[in-house]
């Protein structure tokens, strides 16, 4: 059973997160302020930390910074305000592994939690197969029907992000962070063009994708 530390000072949100994660089979501990969160994370073993930014006594950024400086490698999923782009970038730069913007759906949060736990456990194989495609992470190669397919470094980074977060909806902002790097500013059209190009290389019918699907108004999801 994976242990999750939920750091949230709003009682209603904390209770909702705790109940939802327990229903998924996780062992959940709740901290209501940054100082308590830092102490618990350093004293007890957790498989994931769900960390709100706005906290009393010590904010989420400071918590993240202190834990990473202490050498703690536990995955950290930050909860940020939807409109605060700077919060997302800062959180990732301080060592957070992913972020979810408020308000978020329980389904999206569960998918991101599972993706981070899966990534931390190392159960993404060196070669990942779906349909006619196989992705060789060690060689950074894409093959289709056994034949090499030329992909750009950006396309491979995008595909890697999708596979490691399979089942999760990734926003264009998160794809930018994964492929271009935090703090990079390009238009949504640039991201969309990369997705179109990637679909041509992995989909049997690129105009009717079954693996790399669009989620209207949100982003993209990989269903491989």
C-alpha atoms as a PDB file:
ATOM      1  CA  UNK A   1       0.000   0.000   0.000  1.00  0.00           C
ATOM      2  CA  UNK A   2       1.484   3.352  -1.068  1.00  0.00           C
ATOM      3  CA  UNK A   3       1.679   6.052   1.602  1.00  0.00           C
ATOM      4  CA  UNK A   4       0.740   9.596   0.622  1.00  0.00           C
ATOM      5  CA  UNK A   5       1.300  12.766   2.628  1.00  0.00           C
ATOM      6  CA  UNK A   6      -1.428  15.324   1.878  1.00  0.00           C
ATOM      7  CA  UNK A   7      -0.396  18.872   2.824  1.00  0.00           C
ATOM      8  CA  UNK A   8      -3.463  21.122   2.746  1.00  0.00           C
ATOM      9  CA  UNK A   9      -4.704  23.661   5.290  1.00  0.00           C
ATOM     10  CA  UNK A  10      -8.268  24.007   3.970  1.00  0.00           C
ATOM     11  CA  UNK A  11     -10.254  21.425   6.010  1.00  0.00           C
ATOM     12  CA  UNK A  12     -12.850  20.667   3.329  1.00  0.00           C
ATOM     13  CA  UNK A  13     -10.264  20.127   0.599  1.00  0.00           C
ATOM     14  CA  UNK A  14      -8.007  18.100   2.901  1.00  0.00           C
ATOM     15  CA  UNK A  15     -10.872  15.823   3.921  1.00  0.00           C
ATOM     16  CA  UNK A  16     -11.977  15.369   0.314  1.00  0.00           C
ATOM     17  CA  UNK A  17      -8.461  14.457  -0.781  1.00  0.00           C
ATOM     18  CA  UNK A  18      -7.994  12.085   2.136  1.00  0.00           C
ATOM     19  CA  UNK A  19     -11.296  10.283   1.533  1.00  0.00           C
ATOM     20  CA  UNK A  20     -10.780  10.027  -2.222  1.00  0.00           C
ATOM     21  CA  UNK A  21      -7.241   8.671  -1.938  1.00  0.00           C
ATOM     22  CA  UNK A  22      -8.218   6.188   0.773  1.00  0.00           C
ATOM     23  CA  UNK A  23     -10.975   4.878  -1.483  1.00  0.00           C
ATOM     24  CA  UNK A  24      -8.246   4.230  -4.066  1.00  0.00           C
ATOM     25  CA  UNK A  25      -6.429   2.081  -1.537  1.00  0.00           C
ATOM     26  CA  UNK A  26      -3.719   4.500  -0.365  1.00  0.00           C
ATOM     27  CA  UNK A  27      -2.564   5.035   3.202  1.00  0.00           C
ATOM     28  CA  UNK A  28      -2.992   8.783   3.764  1.00  0.00           C
ATOM     29  CA  UNK A  29      -1.515  11.159   6.332  1.00  0.00           C
ATOM     30  CA  UNK A  30      -2.634  14.807   6.452  1.00  0.00           C
ATOM     31  CA  UNK A  31      -0.545  17.838   7.471  1.00  0.00           C
ATOM     32  CA  UNK A  32      -2.220  21.239   7.869  1.00  0.00           C
ATOM     33  CA  UNK A  33       0.857  23.487   7.763  1.00  0.00           C
ATOM     34  CA  UNK A  34       4.278  23.630   6.182  1.00  0.00           C
ATOM     35  CA  UNK A  35       6.317  23.027   9.318  1.00  0.00           C
ATOM     36  CA  UNK A  36       4.413  19.862  10.196  1.00  0.00           C
ATOM     37  CA  UNK A  37       4.697  18.671   6.591  1.00  0.00           C
ATOM     38  CA  UNK A  38       8.468  19.141   6.576  1.00  0.00           C
ATOM     39  CA  UNK A  39       8.860  17.251   9.843  1.00  0.00           C
ATOM     40  CA  UNK A  40       6.621  14.345   8.813  1.00  0.00           C
ATOM     41  CA  UNK A  41       8.254  14.009   5.390  1.00  0.00           C
ATOM     42  CA  UNK A  42      11.707  13.783   6.964  1.00  0.00           C
ATOM     43  CA  UNK A  43      10.710  11.462   9.815  1.00  0.00           C
ATOM     44  CA  UNK A  44       8.418   9.002   8.021  1.00  0.00           C
ATOM     45  CA  UNK A  45       8.610   7.156   4.695  1.00  0.00           C
ATOM     46  CA  UNK A  46       6.104   8.342   2.098  1.00  0.00           C
ATOM     47  CA  UNK A  47       5.738   7.294  -1.524  1.00  0.00           C
ATOM     48  CA  UNK A  48       4.319  10.657  -2.639  1.00  0.00           C
ATOM     49  CA  UNK A  49       3.686  14.135  -1.237  1.00  0.00           C
ATOM     50  CA  UNK A  50       0.634  16.111  -2.361  1.00  0.00           C
ATOM     51  CA  UNK A  51       1.618  19.681  -1.525  1.00  0.00           C
ATOM     52  CA  UNK A  52      -0.500  22.836  -1.575  1.00  0.00           C
ATOM     53  CA  UNK A  53       1.343  26.100  -2.207  1.00  0.00           C
ATOM     54  CA  UNK A  54      -0.533  28.396   0.164  1.00  0.00           C
ATOM     55  CA  UNK A  55       0.128  27.076   3.672  1.00  0.00           C
ATOM     56  CA  UNK A  56       0.476  28.601   7.154  1.00  0.00           C
ATOM     57  CA  UNK A  57       3.822  28.713   8.975  1.00  0.00           C
ATOM     58  CA  UNK A  58       5.785  27.725   5.846  1.00  0.00           C
ATOM     59  CA  UNK A  59       4.564  27.807   2.245  1.00  0.00           C
ATOM     60  CA  UNK A  60       4.720  24.902  -0.185  1.00  0.00           C
ATOM     61  CA  UNK A  61       7.694  26.315  -2.066  1.00  0.00           C
ATOM     62  CA  UNK A  62       9.776  26.484   1.097  1.00  0.00           C
ATOM     63  CA  UNK A  63       8.709  22.964   2.050  1.00  0.00           C
ATOM     64  CA  UNK A  64       9.724  21.670  -1.375  1.00  0.00           C
ATOM     65  CA  UNK A  65      13.044  23.515  -1.269  1.00  0.00           C
ATOM     66  CA  UNK A  66      13.949  22.206   2.192  1.00  0.00           C
ATOM     67  CA  UNK A  67      13.047  18.612   1.395  1.00  0.00           C
ATOM     68  CA  UNK A  68      15.077  18.574  -1.805  1.00  0.00           C
ATOM     69  CA  UNK A  69      18.053  20.204  -0.099  1.00  0.00           C
ATOM     70  CA  UNK A  70      17.843  17.502   2.555  1.00  0.00           C
ATOM     71  CA  UNK A  71      18.177  14.900  -0.183  1.00  0.00           C
ATOM     72  CA  UNK A  72      14.586  13.626  -0.050  1.00  0.00           C
ATOM     73  CA  UNK A  73      13.662  12.083  -3.411  1.00  0.00           C
ATOM     74  CA  UNK A  74       9.965  11.416  -2.707  1.00  0.00           C
ATOM     75  CA  UNK A  75       7.819  12.548  -5.667  1.00  0.00           C
ATOM     76  CA  UNK A  76       6.082  15.877  -4.995  1.00  0.00           C
ATOM     77  CA  UNK A  77       2.834  16.876  -6.689  1.00  0.00           C
ATOM     78  CA  UNK A  78       2.082  20.567  -6.185  1.00  0.00           C
ATOM     79  CA  UNK A  79      -1.390  22.106  -6.090  1.00  0.00           C
ATOM     80  CA  UNK A  80      -1.345  25.592  -7.624  1.00  0.00           C
ATOM     81  CA  UNK A  81      -3.820  28.361  -8.406  1.00  0.00           C
ATOM     82  CA  UNK A  82      -5.051  28.087 -11.995  1.00  0.00           C
ATOM     83  CA  UNK A  83      -3.998  31.594 -13.009  1.00  0.00           C
ATOM     84  CA  UNK A  84      -0.562  31.647 -11.394  1.00  0.00           C
ATOM     85  CA  UNK A  85       1.847  30.569 -14.155  1.00  0.00           C
ATOM     86  CA  UNK A  86       4.832  31.658 -12.062  1.00  0.00           C
ATOM     87  CA  UNK A  87       3.839  29.232  -9.292  1.00  0.00           C
ATOM     88  CA  UNK A  88       3.998  26.266 -11.649  1.00  0.00           C
ATOM     89  CA  UNK A  89       7.410  27.198 -13.010  1.00  0.00           C
ATOM     90  CA  UNK A  90       8.851  27.941  -9.570  1.00  0.00           C
ATOM     91  CA  UNK A  91       7.543  24.683  -8.131  1.00  0.00           C
ATOM     92  CA  UNK A  92       9.172  22.645 -10.887  1.00  0.00           C
ATOM     93  CA  UNK A  93      12.424  24.556 -10.565  1.00  0.00           C
ATOM     94  CA  UNK A  94      12.492  23.820  -6.830  1.00  0.00           C
ATOM     95  CA  UNK A  95      12.213  20.099  -7.464  1.00  0.00           C
ATOM     96  CA  UNK A  96       8.506  19.307  -7.689  1.00  0.00           C
ATOM     97  CA  UNK A  97       7.712  16.482 -10.116  1.00  0.00           C
ATOM     98  CA  UNK A  98       4.331  17.657 -11.364  1.00  0.00           C
ATOM     99  CA  UNK A  99       1.512  20.073 -10.612  1.00  0.00           C
ATOM    100  CA  UNK A 100      -2.276  20.182 -10.696  1.00  0.00           C
ATOM    101  CA  UNK A 101      -4.158  23.449 -10.973  1.00  0.00           C
ATOM    102  CA  UNK A 102      -7.152  24.301  -8.817  1.00  0.00           C
ATOM    103  CA  UNK A 103      -9.963  23.597  -9.337  1.00  0.00           C
ATOM    104  CA  UNK A 104      -9.079  20.059 -10.391  1.00  0.00           C
ATOM    105  CA  UNK A 105     -11.175  16.977 -11.013  1.00  0.00           C
ATOM    106  CA  UNK A 106     -10.689  13.983  -8.684  1.00  0.00           C
ATOM    107  CA  UNK A 107     -10.220  11.804 -11.761  1.00  0.00           C
ATOM    108  CA  UNK A 108      -7.322  13.922 -13.049  1.00  0.00           C
ATOM    109  CA  UNK A 109      -5.696  14.012  -9.629  1.00  0.00           C
ATOM    110  CA  UNK A 110      -5.952  10.230  -9.258  1.00  0.00           C
ATOM    111  CA  UNK A 111      -4.401   9.754 -12.687  1.00  0.00           C
ATOM    112  CA  UNK A 112      -1.476  12.042 -11.864  1.00  0.00           C
ATOM    113  CA  UNK A 113      -0.902  10.338  -8.520  1.00  0.00           C
ATOM    114  CA  UNK A 114      -0.820   6.945 -10.236  1.00  0.00           C
ATOM    115  CA  UNK A 115       1.529   8.259 -12.924  1.00  0.00           C
ATOM    116  CA  UNK A 116       4.000   9.647 -10.381  1.00  0.00           C
ATOM    117  CA  UNK A 117       3.924   6.483  -8.283  1.00  0.00           C
ATOM    118  CA  UNK A 118       4.411   4.392 -11.401  1.00  0.00           C
ATOM    119  CA  UNK A 119       7.339   6.536 -12.510  1.00  0.00           C
ATOM    120  CA  UNK A 120       8.947   6.439  -9.057  1.00  0.00           C
ATOM    121  CA  UNK A 121       8.665   2.660  -8.886  1.00  0.00           C
ATOM    122  CA  UNK A 122      10.469   2.384 -12.206  1.00  0.00           C
ATOM    123  CA  UNK A 123       7.837   0.184 -13.805  1.00  0.00           C
ATOM    124  CA  UNK A 124       8.037   1.952 -17.160  1.00  0.00           C
ATOM    125  CA  UNK A 125      10.064  -0.623 -19.143  1.00  0.00           C
ATOM    126  CA  UNK A 126      13.113   0.217 -21.217  1.00  0.00           C
ATOM    127  CA  UNK A 127      11.054  -0.701 -24.278  1.00  0.00           C
ATOM    128  CA  UNK A 128       7.391   0.313 -24.265  1.00  0.00           C
ATOM    129  CA  UNK A 129       5.029  -1.160 -26.862  1.00  0.00           C
ATOM    130  CA  UNK A 130       1.591  -0.114 -28.041  1.00  0.00           C
ATOM    131  CA  UNK A 131      -0.119  -1.121 -31.267  1.00  0.00           C
ATOM    132  CA  UNK A 132       2.491  -1.328 -34.032  1.00  0.00           C
ATOM    133  CA  UNK A 133       4.864   0.957 -32.165  1.00  0.00           C
ATOM    134  CA  UNK A 134       7.689   0.368 -29.737  1.00  0.00           C
ATOM    135  CA  UNK A 135       9.636   3.065 -27.919  1.00  0.00           C
ATOM    136  CA  UNK A 136      13.168   2.227 -26.828  1.00  0.00           C
ATOM    137  CA  UNK A 137      14.042   4.658 -24.021  1.00  0.00           C
ATOM    138  CA  UNK A 138      17.636   3.489 -23.594  1.00  0.00           C
ATOM    139  CA  UNK A 139      18.402   4.030 -27.299  1.00  0.00           C
ATOM    140  CA  UNK A 140      15.971   6.951 -27.657  1.00  0.00           C
ATOM    141  CA  UNK A 141      14.448   5.268 -30.696  1.00  0.00           C
ATOM    142  CA  UNK A 142      10.967   4.907 -32.105  1.00  0.00           C
ATOM    143  CA  UNK A 143      10.122   1.872 -34.224  1.00  0.00           C
ATOM    144  CA  UNK A 144       6.975   1.003 -36.103  1.00  0.00           C
ATOM    145  CA  UNK A 145       6.389  -2.522 -37.422  1.00  0.00           C
ATOM    146  CA  UNK A 146      10.014  -3.138 -36.484  1.00  0.00           C
ATOM    147  CA  UNK A 147      11.352  -0.323 -38.668  1.00  0.00           C
ATOM    148  CA  UNK A 148      13.050   2.798 -37.249  1.00  0.00           C
ATOM    149  CA  UNK A 149      11.031   6.027 -37.439  1.00  0.00           C
ATOM    150  CA  UNK A 150      12.890   9.308 -37.391  1.00  0.00           C
ATOM    151  CA  UNK A 151      11.789  11.568 -34.543  1.00  0.00           C
ATOM    152  CA  UNK A 152      13.128  14.907 -33.372  1.00  0.00           C
ATOM    153  CA  UNK A 153      14.418  15.341 -29.798  1.00  0.00           C
ATOM    154  CA  UNK A 154      11.304  17.387 -29.006  1.00  0.00           C
ATOM    155  CA  UNK A 155       8.992  14.692 -30.338  1.00  0.00           C
ATOM    156  CA  UNK A 156      10.760  12.018 -28.304  1.00  0.00           C
ATOM    157  CA  UNK A 157      10.523  14.125 -25.135  1.00  0.00           C
ATOM    158  CA  UNK A 158       6.804  14.639 -25.744  1.00  0.00           C
ATOM    159  CA  UNK A 159       6.229  10.942 -26.353  1.00  0.00           C
ATOM    160  CA  UNK A 160       8.196  10.068 -23.228  1.00  0.00           C
ATOM    161  CA  UNK A 161       6.064  12.468 -21.162  1.00  0.00           C
ATOM    162  CA  UNK A 162       2.873  10.959 -22.552  1.00  0.00           C
ATOM    163  CA  UNK A 163       3.949   7.373 -21.881  1.00  0.00           C
ATOM    164  CA  UNK A 164       5.092   8.088 -18.349  1.00  0.00           C
ATOM    165  CA  UNK A 165       1.818   9.889 -17.665  1.00  0.00           C
ATOM    166  CA  UNK A 166      -0.413   7.541 -19.637  1.00  0.00           C
ATOM    167  CA  UNK A 167      -4.060   7.978 -18.842  1.00  0.00           C
ATOM    168  CA  UNK A 168      -3.471  11.550 -17.603  1.00  0.00           C
ATOM    169  CA  UNK A 169      -4.605  14.677 -19.390  1.00  0.00           C
ATOM    170  CA  UNK A 170      -1.544  16.859 -19.996  1.00  0.00           C
ATOM    171  CA  UNK A 171      -2.104  20.541 -20.624  1.00  0.00           C
ATOM    172  CA  UNK A 172      -0.055  22.434 -23.186  1.00  0.00           C
ATOM    173  CA  UNK A 173       1.736  24.121 -20.283  1.00  0.00           C
ATOM    174  CA  UNK A 174       2.788  20.771 -18.861  1.00  0.00           C
ATOM    175  CA  UNK A 175       3.926  19.585 -22.269  1.00  0.00           C
ATOM    176  CA  UNK A 176       5.995  22.750 -22.608  1.00  0.00           C
ATOM    177  CA  UNK A 177       7.656  22.025 -19.261  1.00  0.00           C
ATOM    178  CA  UNK A 178       8.333  18.407 -20.250  1.00  0.00           C
ATOM    179  CA  UNK A 179       9.727  18.985 -23.746  1.00  0.00           C
ATOM    180  CA  UNK A 180      10.968  22.564 -23.940  1.00  0.00           C
ATOM    181  CA  UNK A 181      11.740  23.105 -20.246  1.00  0.00           C
ATOM    182  CA  UNK A 182      10.196  25.245 -17.481  1.00  0.00           C
ATOM    183  CA  UNK A 183       9.984  28.943 -18.284  1.00  0.00           C
ATOM    184  CA  UNK A 184       9.971  28.469 -22.069  1.00  0.00           C
ATOM    185  CA  UNK A 185       7.359  30.547 -23.836  1.00  0.00           C
ATOM    186  CA  UNK A 186       6.038  29.414 -27.206  1.00  0.00           C
ATOM    187  CA  UNK A 187       2.541  29.609 -28.639  1.00  0.00           C
ATOM    188  CA  UNK A 188      -0.048  26.871 -28.270  1.00  0.00           C
ATOM    189  CA  UNK A 189       0.119  26.395 -32.016  1.00  0.00           C
ATOM    190  CA  UNK A 190       3.757  25.263 -31.736  1.00  0.00           C
ATOM    191  CA  UNK A 191       2.745  22.549 -29.281  1.00  0.00           C
ATOM    192  CA  UNK A 192      -0.209  21.519 -31.446  1.00  0.00           C
ATOM    193  CA  UNK A 193       2.029  21.261 -34.516  1.00  0.00           C
ATOM    194  CA  UNK A 194       4.391  18.940 -32.654  1.00  0.00           C
ATOM    195  CA  UNK A 195       1.436  16.761 -31.661  1.00  0.00           C
ATOM    196  CA  UNK A 196       0.245  16.596 -35.273  1.00  0.00           C
ATOM    197  CA  UNK A 197       3.726  15.555 -36.390  1.00  0.00           C
ATOM    198  CA  UNK A 198       3.976  12.923 -33.646  1.00  0.00           C
ATOM    199  CA  UNK A 199       0.588  11.480 -34.562  1.00  0.00           C
ATOM    200  CA  UNK A 200       1.764  10.904 -38.132  1.00  0.00           C
ATOM    201  CA  UNK A 201       4.489   8.668 -36.729  1.00  0.00           C
ATOM    202  CA  UNK A 202       2.519   6.607 -34.199  1.00  0.00           C
ATOM    203  CA  UNK A 203      -1.102   6.545 -35.399  1.00  0.00           C
ATOM    204  CA  UNK A 204      -2.575   4.330 -38.131  1.00  0.00           C
ATOM    205  CA  UNK A 205      -5.026   7.136 -38.903  1.00  0.00           C
ATOM    206  CA  UNK A 206      -3.459  10.417 -37.738  1.00  0.00           C
ATOM    207  CA  UNK A 207      -6.653  12.410 -38.358  1.00  0.00           C
ATOM    208  CA  UNK A 208      -8.589   9.946 -36.175  1.00  0.00           C
ATOM    209  CA  UNK A 209      -6.091   9.206 -33.392  1.00  0.00           C
ATOM    210  CA  UNK A 210      -6.705   6.383 -30.960  1.00  0.00           C
ATOM    211  CA  UNK A 211      -3.553   6.759 -28.846  1.00  0.00           C
ATOM    212  CA  UNK A 212      -2.767  10.468 -28.685  1.00  0.00           C
ATOM    213  CA  UNK A 213      -6.214  11.983 -28.202  1.00  0.00           C
ATOM    214  CA  UNK A 214      -7.340  15.576 -27.755  1.00  0.00           C
ATOM    215  CA  UNK A 215      -9.290  16.578 -24.658  1.00  0.00           C
ATOM    216  CA  UNK A 216     -11.277  19.622 -25.663  1.00  0.00           C
ATOM    217  CA  UNK A 217     -10.350  22.774 -23.794  1.00  0.00           C
ATOM    218  CA  UNK A 218      -7.722  21.016 -21.657  1.00  0.00           C
ATOM    219  CA  UNK A 219      -4.922  19.345 -23.620  1.00  0.00           C
ATOM    220  CA  UNK A 220      -3.993  15.822 -24.706  1.00  0.00           C
ATOM    221  CA  UNK A 221      -4.077  12.325 -23.250  1.00  0.00           C
ATOM    222  CA  UNK A 222      -2.110   9.203 -24.176  1.00  0.00           C
ATOM    223  CA  UNK A 223      -4.191   6.005 -24.169  1.00  0.00           C
ATOM    224  CA  UNK A 224      -1.508   3.539 -25.166  1.00  0.00           C
END
